[in-house]
Every structure is written in C-alpha cells, then in structure tokens.
Amino acid sequence: MGVEQTSERNKSEYNDSLGYLTRLNFLLFKCLTARLNLMASDWFYSLEGLGVELSTEMDEEELKILDNFSEKTLPLIEQWNEDNELTNELYQVLNKHERFLRKIYKDAGLQQRVYDEDDLL
C-alpha cells in the first residue's frame, strides 16, 4: 500500500526554481568535466545526481530506465575503481545515459524556455 496523495497540502510562498536550475547547471557542468577528463566514477555519480534532480520530470517508464542504469552501471564503476581503466562498454553506457537525461532536461523545457503563442503577442 502506497502513501495516499492529497492536493490539500498548503503551498509554500517559497519558490526553489533558481536553486533547482543552479543545481542542474552544476551537475551538467560536472558531467561535462568528468566526461572530458575520462573520470568514470565522477561522471557516474554526477549522472546519478542529475537523475535525482530530473526525476520529478519523469514518467514511470523513464524512472525505470533510471533505476536500471544504476543497477547495470554500478558493477562497471566498481571495476573501474579497481583498474582505473575506462572500457569502451562503460564509456558507452555513461554516454548513452547522459544523452537520455539531457533529453529529459530539454523535453521538460529546462534547456530553453517553451513559449506559448500568447507569450509572443
């Protein structure tokens, strides 16, 4: 049994949109620098953080993909931590997942504001 959802919760006057976008920007920067430096562990954990932040924008299927990424990739990261050798398999998994998360980011309108026709008038 799940927790019952209610819409009667009082809404806060506080808005975290700036903090949210700042965290996303920071994590995207961390992903970029880790990828460029071929630091698989940093890249993985930056992607994990980005996935957590973007999880509120995901549907159930996308959340399953997020969970599967962690389960599939963690053993590869543990091996990288031992050998300090970035395999093609690990690079491709991390790269594919980053593209997936960046698409969520874009589709949610976070990369560029999505305008309605009324906004342009």
PDB file of N, CA and C in Angstrom:
ATOM      1  N   MET A   1       0.831  -1.182   0.000  1.00  0.00           N
ATOM      2  CA  MET A   1       0.000   0.000   0.000  1.00  0.00           C
ATOM      3  C   MET A   1       0.872   1.241   0.000  1.00  0.00           C
ATOM      4  N   GLY A   2       0.564   2.147  -0.886  1.00  0.00           N
ATOM      5  CA  GLY A   2       1.323   3.383  -1.010  1.00  0.00           C
ATOM      6  C   GLY A   2       0.759   4.474  -0.128  1.00  0.00           C
ATOM      7  N   VAL A   3       1.469   5.534  -0.058  1.00  0.00           N
ATOM      8  CA  VAL A   3       1.024   6.700   0.683  1.00  0.00           C
ATOM      9  C   VAL A   3      -0.025   7.409  -0.148  1.00  0.00           C
ATOM     10  N   GLU A   4      -1.130   7.754   0.472  1.00  0.00           N
ATOM     11  CA  GLU A   4      -2.210   8.423  -0.231  1.00  0.00           C
ATOM     12  C   GLU A   4      -1.807   9.855  -0.570  1.00  0.00           C
ATOM     13  N   GLN A   5      -1.994  10.232  -1.833  1.00  0.00           N
ATOM     14  CA  GLN A   5      -1.659  11.573  -2.278  1.00  0.00           C
ATOM     15  C   GLN A   5      -2.837  12.507  -2.028  1.00  0.00           C
ATOM     16  N   THR A   6      -2.548  13.689  -1.572  1.00  0.00           N
ATOM     17  CA  THR A   6      -3.598  14.674  -1.346  1.00  0.00           C
ATOM     18  C   THR A   6      -3.183  15.998  -1.954  1.00  0.00           C
ATOM     19  N   SER A   7      -4.156  16.736  -2.468  1.00  0.00           N
ATOM     20  CA  SER A   7      -3.857  18.040  -3.054  1.00  0.00           C
ATOM     21  C   SER A   7      -4.199  19.164  -2.087  1.00  0.00           C
ATOM     22  N   GLU A   8      -4.517  18.804  -0.844  1.00  0.00           N
ATOM     23  CA  GLU A   8      -4.906  19.796   0.143  1.00  0.00           C
ATOM     24  C   GLU A   8      -3.716  20.350   0.919  1.00  0.00           C
ATOM     25  N   ARG A   9      -2.525  19.982   0.537  1.00  0.00           N
ATOM     26  CA  ARG A   9      -1.325  20.462   1.209  1.00  0.00           C
ATOM     27  C   ARG A   9      -1.185  21.967   0.990  1.00  0.00           C
ATOM     28  N   ASN A  10      -0.852  22.673   2.037  1.00  0.00           N
ATOM     29  CA  ASN A  10      -0.613  24.110   1.908  1.00  0.00           C
ATOM     30  C   ASN A  10       0.596  24.347   1.032  1.00  0.00           C
ATOM     31  N   LYS A  11       0.490  25.318   0.153  1.00  0.00           N
ATOM     32  CA  LYS A  11       1.594  25.644  -0.746  1.00  0.00           C
ATOM     33  C   LYS A  11       2.481  26.687  -0.095  1.00  0.00           C
ATOM     34  N   SER A  12       3.761  26.501  -0.260  1.00  0.00           N
ATOM     35  CA  SER A  12       4.742  27.417   0.293  1.00  0.00           C
ATOM     36  C   SER A  12       4.814  28.684  -0.548  1.00  0.00           C
ATOM     37  N   GLU A  13       5.154  29.769   0.082  1.00  0.00           N
ATOM     38  CA  GLU A  13       5.403  31.010  -0.649  1.00  0.00           C
ATOM     39  C   GLU A  13       6.788  30.971  -1.283  1.00  0.00           C
ATOM     40  N   TYR A  14       7.629  30.059  -0.818  1.00  0.00           N
ATOM     41  CA  TYR A  14       9.000  29.934  -1.299  1.00  0.00           C
ATOM     42  C   TYR A  14       9.018  29.227  -2.647  1.00  0.00           C
ATOM     43  N   ASN A  15       9.837  29.699  -3.548  1.00  0.00           N
ATOM     44  CA  ASN A  15       9.981  29.107  -4.860  1.00  0.00           C
ATOM     45  C   ASN A  15      11.451  28.714  -5.040  1.00  0.00           C
ATOM     46  N   ASP A  16      11.695  27.459  -5.317  1.00  0.00           N
ATOM     47  CA  ASP A  16      13.069  26.956  -5.438  1.00  0.00           C
ATOM     48  C   ASP A  16      13.531  26.862  -6.888  1.00  0.00           C
ATOM     49  N   SER A  17      12.863  27.534  -7.807  1.00  0.00           N
ATOM     50  CA  SER A  17      13.229  27.366  -9.211  1.00  0.00           C
ATOM     51  C   SER A  17      14.665  27.797  -9.492  1.00  0.00           C
ATOM     52  N   LEU A  18      15.124  28.877  -8.890  1.00  0.00           N
ATOM     53  CA  LEU A  18      16.502  29.311  -9.110  1.00  0.00           C
ATOM     54  C   LEU A  18      17.494  28.297  -8.532  1.00  0.00           C
ATOM     55  N   GLY A  19      17.216  27.806  -7.332  1.00  0.00           N
ATOM     56  CA  GLY A  19      18.078  26.789  -6.734  1.00  0.00           C
ATOM     57  C   GLY A  19      18.093  25.510  -7.557  1.00  0.00           C
ATOM     58  N   TYR A  20      16.926  25.123  -8.062  1.00  0.00           N
ATOM     59  CA  TYR A  20      16.804  23.917  -8.883  1.00  0.00           C
ATOM     60  C   TYR A  20      17.634  24.054 -10.158  1.00  0.00           C
ATOM     61  N   LEU A  21      17.483  25.166 -10.849  1.00  0.00           N
ATOM     62  CA  LEU A  21      18.242  25.387 -12.082  1.00  0.00           C
ATOM     63  C   LEU A  21      19.737  25.485 -11.807  1.00  0.00           C
ATOM     64  N   THR A  22      20.110  26.054 -10.666  1.00  0.00           N
ATOM     65  CA  THR A  22      21.521  26.145 -10.296  1.00  0.00           C
ATOM     66  C   THR A  22      22.098  24.751 -10.070  1.00  0.00           C
ATOM     67  N   ARG A  23      21.356  23.898  -9.365  1.00  0.00           N
ATOM     68  CA  ARG A  23      21.818  22.521  -9.143  1.00  0.00           C
ATOM     69  C   ARG A  23      21.950  21.770 -10.467  1.00  0.00           C
ATOM     70  N   LEU A  24      20.954  21.924 -11.342  1.00  0.00           N
ATOM     71  CA  LEU A  24      21.022  21.261 -12.646  1.00  0.00           C
ATOM     72  C   LEU A  24      22.234  21.738 -13.437  1.00  0.00           C
ATOM     73  N   ASN A  25      22.456  23.036 -13.464  1.00  0.00           N
ATOM     74  CA  ASN A  25      23.593  23.596 -14.176  1.00  0.00           C
ATOM     75  C   ASN A  25      24.910  23.056 -13.617  1.00  0.00           C
ATOM     76  N   PHE A  26      25.022  23.016 -12.308  1.00  0.00           N
ATOM     77  CA  PHE A  26      26.231  22.499 -11.671  1.00  0.00           C
ATOM     78  C   PHE A  26      26.467  21.033 -12.042  1.00  0.00           C
ATOM     79  N   LEU A  27      25.411  20.222 -11.980  1.00  0.00           N
ATOM     80  CA  LEU A  27      25.550  18.799 -12.300  1.00  0.00           C
ATOM     81  C   LEU A  27      25.872  18.581 -13.779  1.00  0.00           C
ATOM     82  N   LEU A  28      25.287  19.369 -14.658  1.00  0.00           N
ATOM     83  CA  LEU A  28      25.615  19.271 -16.079  1.00  0.00           C
ATOM     84  C   LEU A  28      27.082  19.633 -16.318  1.00  0.00           C
ATOM     85  N   PHE A  29      27.566  20.653 -15.611  1.00  0.00           N
ATOM     86  CA  PHE A  29      28.978  21.037 -15.713  1.00  0.00           C
ATOM     87  C   PHE A  29      29.871  19.912 -15.184  1.00  0.00           C
ATOM     88  N   LYS A  30      29.486  19.291 -14.063  1.00  0.00           N
ATOM     89  CA  LYS A  30      30.263  18.178 -13.501  1.00  0.00           C
ATOM     90  C   LYS A  30      30.302  17.008 -14.490  1.00  0.00           C
ATOM     91  N   CYS A  31      29.173  16.708 -15.139  1.00  0.00           N
ATOM     92  CA  CYS A  31      29.138  15.639 -16.137  1.00  0.00           C
ATOM     93  C   CYS A  31      30.095  15.952 -17.280  1.00  0.00           C
ATOM     94  N   LEU A  32      30.065  17.171 -17.759  1.00  0.00           N
ATOM     95  CA  LEU A  32      30.933  17.571 -18.860  1.00  0.00           C
ATOM     96  C   LEU A  32      32.407  17.434 -18.490  1.00  0.00           C
ATOM     97  N   THR A  33      32.798  17.959 -17.352  1.00  0.00           N
ATOM     98  CA  THR A  33      34.210  17.906 -16.977  1.00  0.00           C
ATOM     99  C   THR A  33      34.663  16.477 -16.701  1.00  0.00           C
ATOM    100  N   ALA A  34      33.814  15.670 -16.084  1.00  0.00           N
ATOM    101  CA  ALA A  34      34.178  14.274 -15.822  1.00  0.00           C
ATOM    102  C   ALA A  34      34.321  13.508 -17.135  1.00  0.00           C
ATOM    103  N   ARG A  35      33.413  13.755 -18.077  1.00  0.00           N
ATOM    104  CA  ARG A  35      33.494  13.088 -19.376  1.00  0.00           C
ATOM    105  C   ARG A  35      34.770  13.501 -20.109  1.00  0.00           C
ATOM    106  N   LEU A  36      35.049  14.792 -20.132  1.00  0.00           N
ATOM    107  CA  LEU A  36      36.246  15.273 -20.833  1.00  0.00           C
ATOM    108  C   LEU A  36      37.535  14.743 -20.209  1.00  0.00           C
ATOM    109  N   ASN A  37      37.526  14.553 -18.889  1.00  0.00           N
ATOM    110  CA  ASN A  37      38.704  14.046 -18.184  1.00  0.00           C
ATOM    111  C   ASN A  37      38.709  12.523 -18.054  1.00  0.00           C
ATOM    112  N   LEU A  38      37.691  11.880 -18.630  1.00  0.00           N
ATOM    113  CA  LEU A  38      37.547  10.421 -18.592  1.00  0.00           C
ATOM    114  C   LEU A  38      37.572   9.881 -17.165  1.00  0.00           C
ATOM    115  N   MET A  39      36.917  10.588 -16.265  1.00  0.00           N
ATOM    116  CA  MET A  39      36.802  10.187 -14.864  1.00  0.00           C
ATOM    117  C   MET A  39      35.449   9.500 -14.674  1.00  0.00           C
ATOM    118  N   ALA A  40      35.429   8.215 -14.923  1.00  0.00           N
ATOM    119  CA  ALA A  40      34.180   7.460 -14.971  1.00  0.00           C
ATOM    120  C   ALA A  40      33.392   7.533 -13.665  1.00  0.00           C
ATOM    121  N   SER A  41      34.059   7.427 -12.545  1.00  0.00           N
ATOM    122  CA  SER A  41      33.360   7.443 -11.264  1.00  0.00           C
ATOM    123  C   SER A  41      32.683   8.796 -11.028  1.00  0.00           C
ATOM    124  N   ASP A  42      33.402   9.881 -11.277  1.00  0.00           N
ATOM    125  CA  ASP A  42      32.808  11.214 -11.133  1.00  0.00           C
ATOM    126  C   ASP A  42      31.650  11.410 -12.102  1.00  0.00           C
ATOM    127  N   TRP A  43      31.824  10.930 -13.320  1.00  0.00           N
ATOM    128  CA  TRP A  43      30.790  11.039 -14.340  1.00  0.00           C
ATOM    129  C   TRP A  43      29.544  10.284 -13.888  1.00  0.00           C
ATOM    130  N   PHE A  44      29.734   9.057 -13.407  1.00  0.00           N
ATOM    131  CA  PHE A  44      28.617   8.244 -12.946  1.00  0.00           C
ATOM    132  C   PHE A  44      27.849   8.936 -11.824  1.00  0.00           C
ATOM    133  N   TYR A  45      28.561   9.401 -10.801  1.00  0.00           N
ATOM    134  CA  TYR A  45      27.873   9.998  -9.659  1.00  0.00           C
ATOM    135  C   TYR A  45      27.257  11.357  -9.995  1.00  0.00           C
ATOM    136  N   SER A  46      27.829  12.060 -10.958  1.00  0.00           N
ATOM    137  CA  SER A  46      27.201  13.294 -11.436  1.00  0.00           C
ATOM    138  C   SER A  46      25.903  12.974 -12.176  1.00  0.00           C
ATOM    139  N   LEU A  47      25.935  11.902 -12.975  1.00  0.00           N
ATOM    140  CA  LEU A  47      24.713  11.466 -13.658  1.00  0.00           C
ATOM    141  C   LEU A  47      23.658  10.992 -12.664  1.00  0.00           C
ATOM    142  N   GLU A  48      24.087  10.318 -11.613  1.00  0.00           N
ATOM    143  CA  GLU A  48      23.152   9.891 -10.576  1.00  0.00           C
ATOM    144  C   GLU A  48      22.466  11.109  -9.948  1.00  0.00           C
ATOM    145  N   GLY A  49      23.253  12.126  -9.619  1.00  0.00           N
ATOM    146  CA  GLY A  49      22.687  13.346  -9.040  1.00  0.00           C
ATOM    147  C   GLY A  49      21.748  14.051 -10.000  1.00  0.00           C
ATOM    148  N   LEU A  50      22.134  14.115 -11.267  1.00  0.00           N
ATOM    149  CA  LEU A  50      21.294  14.731 -12.280  1.00  0.00           C
ATOM    150  C   LEU A  50      19.982  13.963 -12.434  1.00  0.00           C
ATOM    151  N   GLY A  51      20.075  12.642 -12.378  1.00  0.00           N
ATOM    152  CA  GLY A  51      18.866  11.814 -12.460  1.00  0.00           C
ATOM    153  C   GLY A  51      17.916  12.068 -11.308  1.00  0.00           C
ATOM    154  N   VAL A  52      18.454  12.228 -10.113  1.00  0.00           N
ATOM    155  CA  VAL A  52      17.615  12.529  -8.941  1.00  0.00           C
ATOM    156  C   VAL A  52      16.912  13.870  -9.143  1.00  0.00           C
ATOM    157  N   GLU A  53      17.662  14.873  -9.583  1.00  0.00           N
ATOM    158  CA  GLU A  53      17.067  16.197  -9.784  1.00  0.00           C
ATOM    159  C   GLU A  53      15.993  16.168 -10.876  1.00  0.00           C
ATOM    160  N   LEU A  54      16.225  15.428 -11.942  1.00  0.00           N
ATOM    161  CA  LEU A  54      15.272  15.387 -13.050  1.00  0.00           C
ATOM    162  C   LEU A  54      14.143  14.379 -12.839  1.00  0.00           C
ATOM    163  N   SER A  55      14.223  13.584 -11.784  1.00  0.00           N
ATOM    164  CA  SER A  55      13.212  12.533 -11.569  1.00  0.00           C
ATOM    165  C   SER A  55      11.800  13.096 -11.440  1.00  0.00           C
ATOM    166  N   THR A  56      11.671  14.325 -10.996  1.00  0.00           N
ATOM    167  CA  THR A  56      10.336  14.930 -10.881  1.00  0.00           C
ATOM    168  C   THR A  56       9.738  15.241 -12.247  1.00  0.00           C
ATOM    169  N   GLU A  57      10.548  15.214 -13.290  1.00  0.00           N
ATOM    170  CA  GLU A  57      10.084  15.482 -14.653  1.00  0.00           C
ATOM    171  C   GLU A  57       9.813  14.188 -15.420  1.00  0.00           C
ATOM    172  N   MET A  58      10.066  13.027 -14.798  1.00  0.00           N
ATOM    173  CA  MET A  58       9.998  11.748 -15.496  1.00  0.00           C
ATOM    174  C   MET A  58       8.683  11.029 -15.266  1.00  0.00           C
ATOM    175  N   ASP A  59       8.299  10.234 -16.292  1.00  0.00           N
ATOM    176  CA  ASP A  59       7.154   9.351 -16.132  1.00  0.00           C
ATOM    177  C   ASP A  59       7.644   8.008 -15.567  1.00  0.00           C
ATOM    178  N   GLU A  60       6.741   7.090 -15.356  1.00  0.00           N
ATOM    179  CA  GLU A  60       7.093   5.809 -14.733  1.00  0.00           C
ATOM    180  C   GLU A  60       8.118   5.022 -15.552  1.00  0.00           C
ATOM    181  N   GLU A  61       7.974   5.001 -16.866  1.00  0.00           N
ATOM    182  CA  GLU A  61       8.913   4.266 -17.713  1.00  0.00           C
ATOM    183  C   GLU A  61      10.308   4.868 -17.638  1.00  0.00           C
ATOM    184  N   GLU A  62      10.382   6.173 -17.627  1.00  0.00           N
ATOM    185  CA  GLU A  62      11.682   6.839 -17.530  1.00  0.00           C
ATOM    186  C   GLU A  62      12.329   6.593 -16.166  1.00  0.00           C
ATOM    187  N   LEU A  63      11.520   6.532 -15.120  1.00  0.00           N
ATOM    188  CA  LEU A  63      12.053   6.217 -13.791  1.00  0.00           C
ATOM    189  C   LEU A  63      12.627   4.802 -13.746  1.00  0.00           C
ATOM    190  N   LYS A  64      11.997   3.869 -14.461  1.00  0.00           N
ATOM    191  CA  LYS A  64      12.527   2.502 -14.541  1.00  0.00           C
ATOM    192  C   LYS A  64      13.876   2.490 -15.266  1.00  0.00           C
ATOM    193  N   ILE A  65      13.988   3.278 -16.325  1.00  0.00           N
ATOM    194  CA  ILE A  65      15.266   3.383 -17.045  1.00  0.00           C
ATOM    195  C   ILE A  65      16.341   3.921 -16.111  1.00  0.00           C
ATOM    196  N   LEU A  66      15.976   4.909 -15.307  1.00  0.00           N
ATOM    197  CA  LEU A  66      16.908   5.494 -14.340  1.00  0.00           C
ATOM    198  C   LEU A  66      17.390   4.438 -13.348  1.00  0.00           C
ATOM    199  N   ASP A  67      16.470   3.640 -12.822  1.00  0.00           N
ATOM    200  CA  ASP A  67      16.838   2.580 -11.877  1.00  0.00           C
ATOM    201  C   ASP A  67      17.711   1.517 -12.538  1.00  0.00           C
ATOM    202  N   ASN A  68      17.366   1.137 -13.761  1.00  0.00           N
ATOM    203  CA  ASN A  68      18.142   0.121 -14.476  1.00  0.00           C
ATOM    204  C   ASN A  68      19.553   0.603 -14.769  1.00  0.00           C
ATOM    205  N   PHE A  69      19.702   1.885 -15.049  1.00  0.00           N
ATOM    206  CA  PHE A  69      21.028   2.445 -15.296  1.00  0.00           C
ATOM    207  C   PHE A  69      21.922   2.225 -14.077  1.00  0.00           C
ATOM    208  N   SER A  70      21.402   2.549 -12.911  1.00  0.00           N
ATOM    209  CA  SER A  70      22.202   2.407 -11.686  1.00  0.00           C
ATOM    210  C   SER A  70      22.595   0.956 -11.452  1.00  0.00           C
ATOM    211  N   GLU A  71      21.630   0.056 -11.591  1.00  0.00           N
ATOM    212  CA  GLU A  71      21.899  -1.362 -11.354  1.00  0.00           C
ATOM    213  C   GLU A  71      22.918  -1.916 -12.346  1.00  0.00           C
ATOM    214  N   LYS A  72      22.814  -1.511 -13.616  1.00  0.00           N
ATOM    215  CA  LYS A  72      23.701  -2.025 -14.656  1.00  0.00           C
ATOM    216  C   LYS A  72      25.104  -1.412 -14.556  1.00  0.00           C
ATOM    217  N   THR A  73      25.173  -0.167 -14.158  1.00  0.00           N
ATOM    218  CA  THR A  73      26.432   0.574 -14.244  1.00  0.00           C
ATOM    219  C   THR A  73      27.289   0.455 -12.995  1.00  0.00           C
ATOM    220  N   LEU A  74      26.692   0.289 -11.841  1.00  0.00           N
ATOM    221  CA  LEU A  74      27.479   0.253 -10.596  1.00  0.00           C
ATOM    222  C   LEU A  74      28.570  -0.813 -10.612  1.00  0.00           C
ATOM    223  N   PRO A  75      28.310  -2.056 -11.081  1.00  0.00           N
ATOM    224  CA  PRO A  75      29.409  -3.041 -11.144  1.00  0.00           C
ATOM    225  C   PRO A  75      30.545  -2.602 -12.079  1.00  0.00           C
ATOM    226  N   LEU A  76      30.203  -1.920 -13.168  1.00  0.00           N
ATOM    227  CA  LEU A  76      31.233  -1.427 -14.083  1.00  0.00           C
ATOM    228  C   LEU A  76      32.071  -0.328 -13.424  1.00  0.00           C
ATOM    229  N   ILE A  77      31.423   0.505 -12.621  1.00  0.00           N
ATOM    230  CA  ILE A  77      32.134   1.568 -11.902  1.00  0.00           C
ATOM    231  C   ILE A  77      33.050   0.955 -10.843  1.00  0.00           C
ATOM    232  N   GLU A  78      32.562  -0.063 -10.151  1.00  0.00           N
ATOM    233  CA  GLU A  78      33.400  -0.729  -9.155  1.00  0.00           C
ATOM    234  C   GLU A  78      34.642  -1.328  -9.805  1.00  0.00           C
ATOM    235  N   GLN A  79      34.465  -1.900 -11.001  1.00  0.00           N
ATOM    236  CA  GLN A  79      35.613  -2.448 -11.730  1.00  0.00           C
ATOM    237  C   GLN A  79      36.561  -1.325 -12.147  1.00  0.00           C
ATOM    238  N   TRP A  80      36.004  -0.193 -12.600  1.00  0.00           N
ATOM    239  CA  TRP A  80      36.838   0.951 -12.979  1.00  0.00           C
ATOM    240  C   TRP A  80      37.630   1.455 -11.772  1.00  0.00           C
ATOM    241  N   ASN A  81      36.992   1.486 -10.605  1.00  0.00           N
ATOM    242  CA  ASN A  81      37.683   1.938  -9.400  1.00  0.00           C
ATOM    243  C   ASN A  81      38.870   1.047  -9.054  1.00  0.00           C
ATOM    244  N   GLU A  82      38.765  -0.243  -9.372  1.00  0.00           N
ATOM    245  CA  GLU A  82      39.869  -1.171  -9.115  1.00  0.00           C
ATOM    246  C   GLU A  82      40.974  -1.040 -10.166  1.00  0.00           C
ATOM    247  N   ASP A  83      40.589  -0.971 -11.447  1.00  0.00           N
ATOM    248  CA  ASP A  83      41.558  -0.999 -12.552  1.00  0.00           C
ATOM    249  C   ASP A  83      41.976   0.393 -13.030  1.00  0.00           C
ATOM    250  N   ASN A  84      41.116   1.370 -12.770  1.00  0.00           N
ATOM    251  CA  ASN A  84      41.323   2.729 -13.255  1.00  0.00           C
ATOM    252  C   ASN A  84      41.493   2.752 -14.779  1.00  0.00           C
ATOM    253  N   GLU A  85      40.714   1.889 -15.442  1.00  0.00           N
ATOM    254  CA  GLU A  85      40.749   1.794 -16.894  1.00  0.00           C
ATOM    255  C   GLU A  85      39.325   1.926 -17.423  1.00  0.00           C
ATOM    256  N   LEU A  86      39.109   2.950 -18.223  1.00  0.00           N
ATOM    257  CA  LEU A  86      37.789   3.200 -18.779  1.00  0.00           C
ATOM    258  C   LEU A  86      37.594   2.330 -20.015  1.00  0.00           C
ATOM    259  N   THR A  87      36.720   1.343 -19.882  1.00  0.00           N
ATOM    260  CA  THR A  87      36.442   0.457 -21.015  1.00  0.00           C
ATOM    261  C   THR A  87      35.466   1.139 -21.968  1.00  0.00           C
ATOM    262  N   ASN A  88      35.460   0.671 -23.198  1.00  0.00           N
ATOM    263  CA  ASN A  88      34.509   1.189 -24.179  1.00  0.00           C
ATOM    264  C   ASN A  88      33.073   0.943 -23.718  1.00  0.00           C
ATOM    265  N   GLU A  89      32.834  -0.226 -23.120  1.00  0.00           N
ATOM    266  CA  GLU A  89      31.487  -0.548 -22.642  1.00  0.00           C
ATOM    267  C   GLU A  89      31.014   0.470 -21.605  1.00  0.00           C
ATOM    268  N   LEU A  90      31.849   0.778 -20.637  1.00  0.00           N
ATOM    269  CA  LEU A  90      31.472   1.733 -19.602  1.00  0.00           C
ATOM    270  C   LEU A  90      31.275   3.119 -20.195  1.00  0.00           C
ATOM    271  N   TYR A  91      32.177   3.539 -21.071  1.00  0.00           N
ATOM    272  CA  TYR A  91      32.042   4.852 -21.706  1.00  0.00           C
ATOM    273  C   TYR A  91      30.709   4.962 -22.440  1.00  0.00           C
ATOM    274  N   GLN A  92      30.358   3.924 -23.206  1.00  0.00           N
ATOM    275  CA  GLN A  92      29.110   3.949 -23.981  1.00  0.00           C
ATOM    276  C   GLN A  92      27.883   3.986 -23.076  1.00  0.00           C
ATOM    277  N   VAL A  93      27.907   3.255 -21.977  1.00  0.00           N
ATOM    278  CA  VAL A  93      26.779   3.253 -21.038  1.00  0.00           C
ATOM    279  C   VAL A  93      26.599   4.646 -20.431  1.00  0.00           C
ATOM    280  N   LEU A  94      27.691   5.247 -19.990  1.00  0.00           N
ATOM    281  CA  LEU A  94      27.617   6.579 -19.388  1.00  0.00           C
ATOM    282  C   LEU A  94      27.181   7.619 -20.417  1.00  0.00           C
ATOM    283  N   ASN A  95      27.730   7.552 -21.597  1.00  0.00           N
ATOM    284  CA  ASN A  95      27.392   8.497 -22.653  1.00  0.00           C
ATOM    285  C   ASN A  95      25.914   8.399 -23.041  1.00  0.00           C
ATOM    286  N   LYS A  96      25.433   7.176 -23.205  1.00  0.00           N
ATOM    287  CA  LYS A  96      24.028   6.960 -23.574  1.00  0.00           C
ATOM    288  C   LYS A  96      23.101   7.488 -22.480  1.00  0.00           C
ATOM    289  N   HIS A  97      23.461   7.255 -21.229  1.00  0.00           N
ATOM    290  CA  HIS A  97      22.608   7.713 -20.142  1.00  0.00           C
ATOM    291  C   HIS A  97      22.625   9.241 -20.033  1.00  0.00           C
ATOM    292  N   GLU A  98      23.764   9.834 -20.269  1.00  0.00           N
ATOM    293  CA  GLU A  98      23.803  11.306 -20.242  1.00  0.00           C
ATOM    294  C   GLU A  98      22.909  11.877 -21.336  1.00  0.00           C
ATOM    295  N   ARG A  99      22.934  11.289 -22.520  1.00  0.00           N
ATOM    296  CA  ARG A  99      22.050  11.756 -23.604  1.00  0.00           C
ATOM    297  C   ARG A  99      20.584  11.597 -23.213  1.00  0.00           C
ATOM    298  N   PHE A 100      20.249  10.483 -22.546  1.00  0.00           N
ATOM    299  CA  PHE A 100      18.883  10.253 -22.070  1.00  0.00           C
ATOM    300  C   PHE A 100      18.462  11.361 -21.096  1.00  0.00           C
ATOM    301  N   LEU A 101      19.316  11.671 -20.128  1.00  0.00           N
ATOM    302  CA  LEU A 101      18.985  12.694 -19.137  1.00  0.00           C
ATOM    303  C   LEU A 101      18.913  14.082 -19.762  1.00  0.00           C
ATOM    304  N   ARG A 102      19.781  14.355 -20.710  1.00  0.00           N
ATOM    305  CA  ARG A 102      19.740  15.663 -21.384  1.00  0.00           C
ATOM    306  C   ARG A 102      18.460  15.813 -22.203  1.00  0.00           C
ATOM    307  N   LYS A 103      17.939  14.717 -22.738  1.00  0.00           N
ATOM    308  CA  LYS A 103      16.663  14.777 -23.467  1.00  0.00           C
ATOM    309  C   LYS A 103      15.514  15.068 -22.502  1.00  0.00           C
ATOM    310  N   ILE A 104      15.536  14.461 -21.336  1.00  0.00           N
ATOM    311  CA  ILE A 104      14.520  14.757 -20.311  1.00  0.00           C
ATOM    312  C   ILE A 104      14.588  16.244 -19.975  1.00  0.00           C
ATOM    313  N   TYR A 105      15.795  16.729 -19.769  1.00  0.00           N
ATOM    314  CA  TYR A 105      16.039  18.140 -19.443  1.00  0.00           C
ATOM    315  C   TYR A 105      15.451  19.050 -20.523  1.00  0.00           C
ATOM    316  N   LYS A 106      15.718  18.713 -21.771  1.00  0.00           N
ATOM    317  CA  LYS A 106      15.213  19.522 -22.880  1.00  0.00           C
ATOM    318  C   LYS A 106      13.698  19.423 -23.006  1.00  0.00           C
ATOM    319  N   ASP A 107      13.170  18.195 -22.960  1.00  0.00           N
ATOM    320  CA  ASP A 107      11.724  17.986 -23.118  1.00  0.00           C
ATOM    321  C   ASP A 107      10.918  18.650 -22.007  1.00  0.00           C
ATOM    322  N   ALA A 108      11.529  18.822 -20.841  1.00  0.00           N
ATOM    323  CA  ALA A 108      10.853  19.480 -19.723  1.00  0.00           C
ATOM    324  C   ALA A 108      10.880  21.006 -19.865  1.00  0.00           C
ATOM    325  N   GLY A 109      11.531  21.494 -20.923  1.00  0.00           N
ATOM    326  CA  GLY A 109      11.601  22.933 -21.147  1.00  0.00           C
ATOM    327  C   GLY A 109      12.635  23.626 -20.281  1.00  0.00           C
ATOM    328  N   LEU A 110      13.580  22.858 -19.753  1.00  0.00           N
ATOM    329  CA  LEU A 110      14.586  23.437 -18.863  1.00  0.00           C
ATOM    330  C   LEU A 110      15.801  23.952 -19.625  1.00  0.00           C
ATOM    331  N   GLN A 111      16.029  23.429 -20.820  1.00  0.00           N
ATOM    332  CA  GLN A 111      17.170  23.862 -21.619  1.00  0.00           C
ATOM    333  C   GLN A 111      16.877  25.216 -22.267  1.00  0.00           C
ATOM    334  N   GLN A 112      15.669  25.354 -22.746  1.00  0.00           N
ATOM    335  CA  GLN A 112      15.253  26.590 -23.376  1.00  0.00           C
ATOM    336  C   GLN A 112      13.785  26.759 -23.072  1.00  0.00           C
ATOM    337  N   ARG A 113      13.400  27.954 -22.718  1.00  0.00           N
ATOM    338  CA  ARG A 113      12.020  28.193 -22.341  1.00  0.00           C
ATOM    339  C   ARG A 113      11.101  27.844 -23.493  1.00  0.00           C
ATOM    340  N   VAL A 114      10.006  27.165 -23.168  1.00  0.00           N
ATOM    341  CA  VAL A 114       8.991  26.819 -24.144  1.00  0.00           C
ATOM    342  C   VAL A 114       7.948  27.935 -24.103  1.00  0.00           C
ATOM    343  N   TYR A 115       7.742  28.565 -25.227  1.00  0.00           N
ATOM    344  CA  TYR A 115       6.798  29.683 -25.298  1.00  0.00           C
ATOM    345  C   TYR A 115       5.461  29.223 -25.838  1.00  0.00           C
ATOM    346  N   ASP A 116       4.398  29.781 -25.281  1.00  0.00           N
ATOM    347  CA  ASP A 116       3.071  29.644 -25.855  1.00  0.00           C
ATOM    348  C   ASP A 116       2.900  30.782 -26.833  1.00  0.00           C
ATOM    349  N   GLU A 117       1.981  30.628 -27.795  1.00  0.00           N
ATOM    350  CA  GLU A 117       1.742  31.701 -28.744  1.00  0.00           C
ATOM    351  C   GLU A 117       1.346  32.986 -28.036  1.00  0.00           C
ATOM    352  N   ASP A 118       0.598  32.874 -26.936  1.00  0.00           N
ATOM    353  CA  ASP A 118       0.158  34.062 -26.181  1.00  0.00           C
ATOM    354  C   ASP A 118       1.340  34.820 -25.605  1.00  0.00           C
ATOM    355  N   ASP A 119       2.420  34.125 -25.283  1.00  0.00           N
ATOM    356  CA  ASP A 119       3.609  34.776 -24.733  1.00  0.00           C
ATOM    357  C   ASP A 119       4.289  35.681 -25.758  1.00  0.00           C
ATOM    358  N   LEU A 120       4.130  35.353 -27.013  1.00  0.00           N
ATOM    359  CA  LEU A 120       4.813  36.077 -28.072  1.00  0.00           C
ATOM    360  C   LEU A 120       4.056  37.308 -28.541  1.00  0.00           C
ATOM    361  N   LEU A 121       2.815  37.426 -28.150  1.00  0.00           N
ATOM    362  CA  LEU A 121       1.999  38.578 -28.578  1.00  0.00           C
ATOM    363  C   LEU A 121       2.184  39.770 -27.702  1.00  0.00           C
TER     364      LEU A 121
END
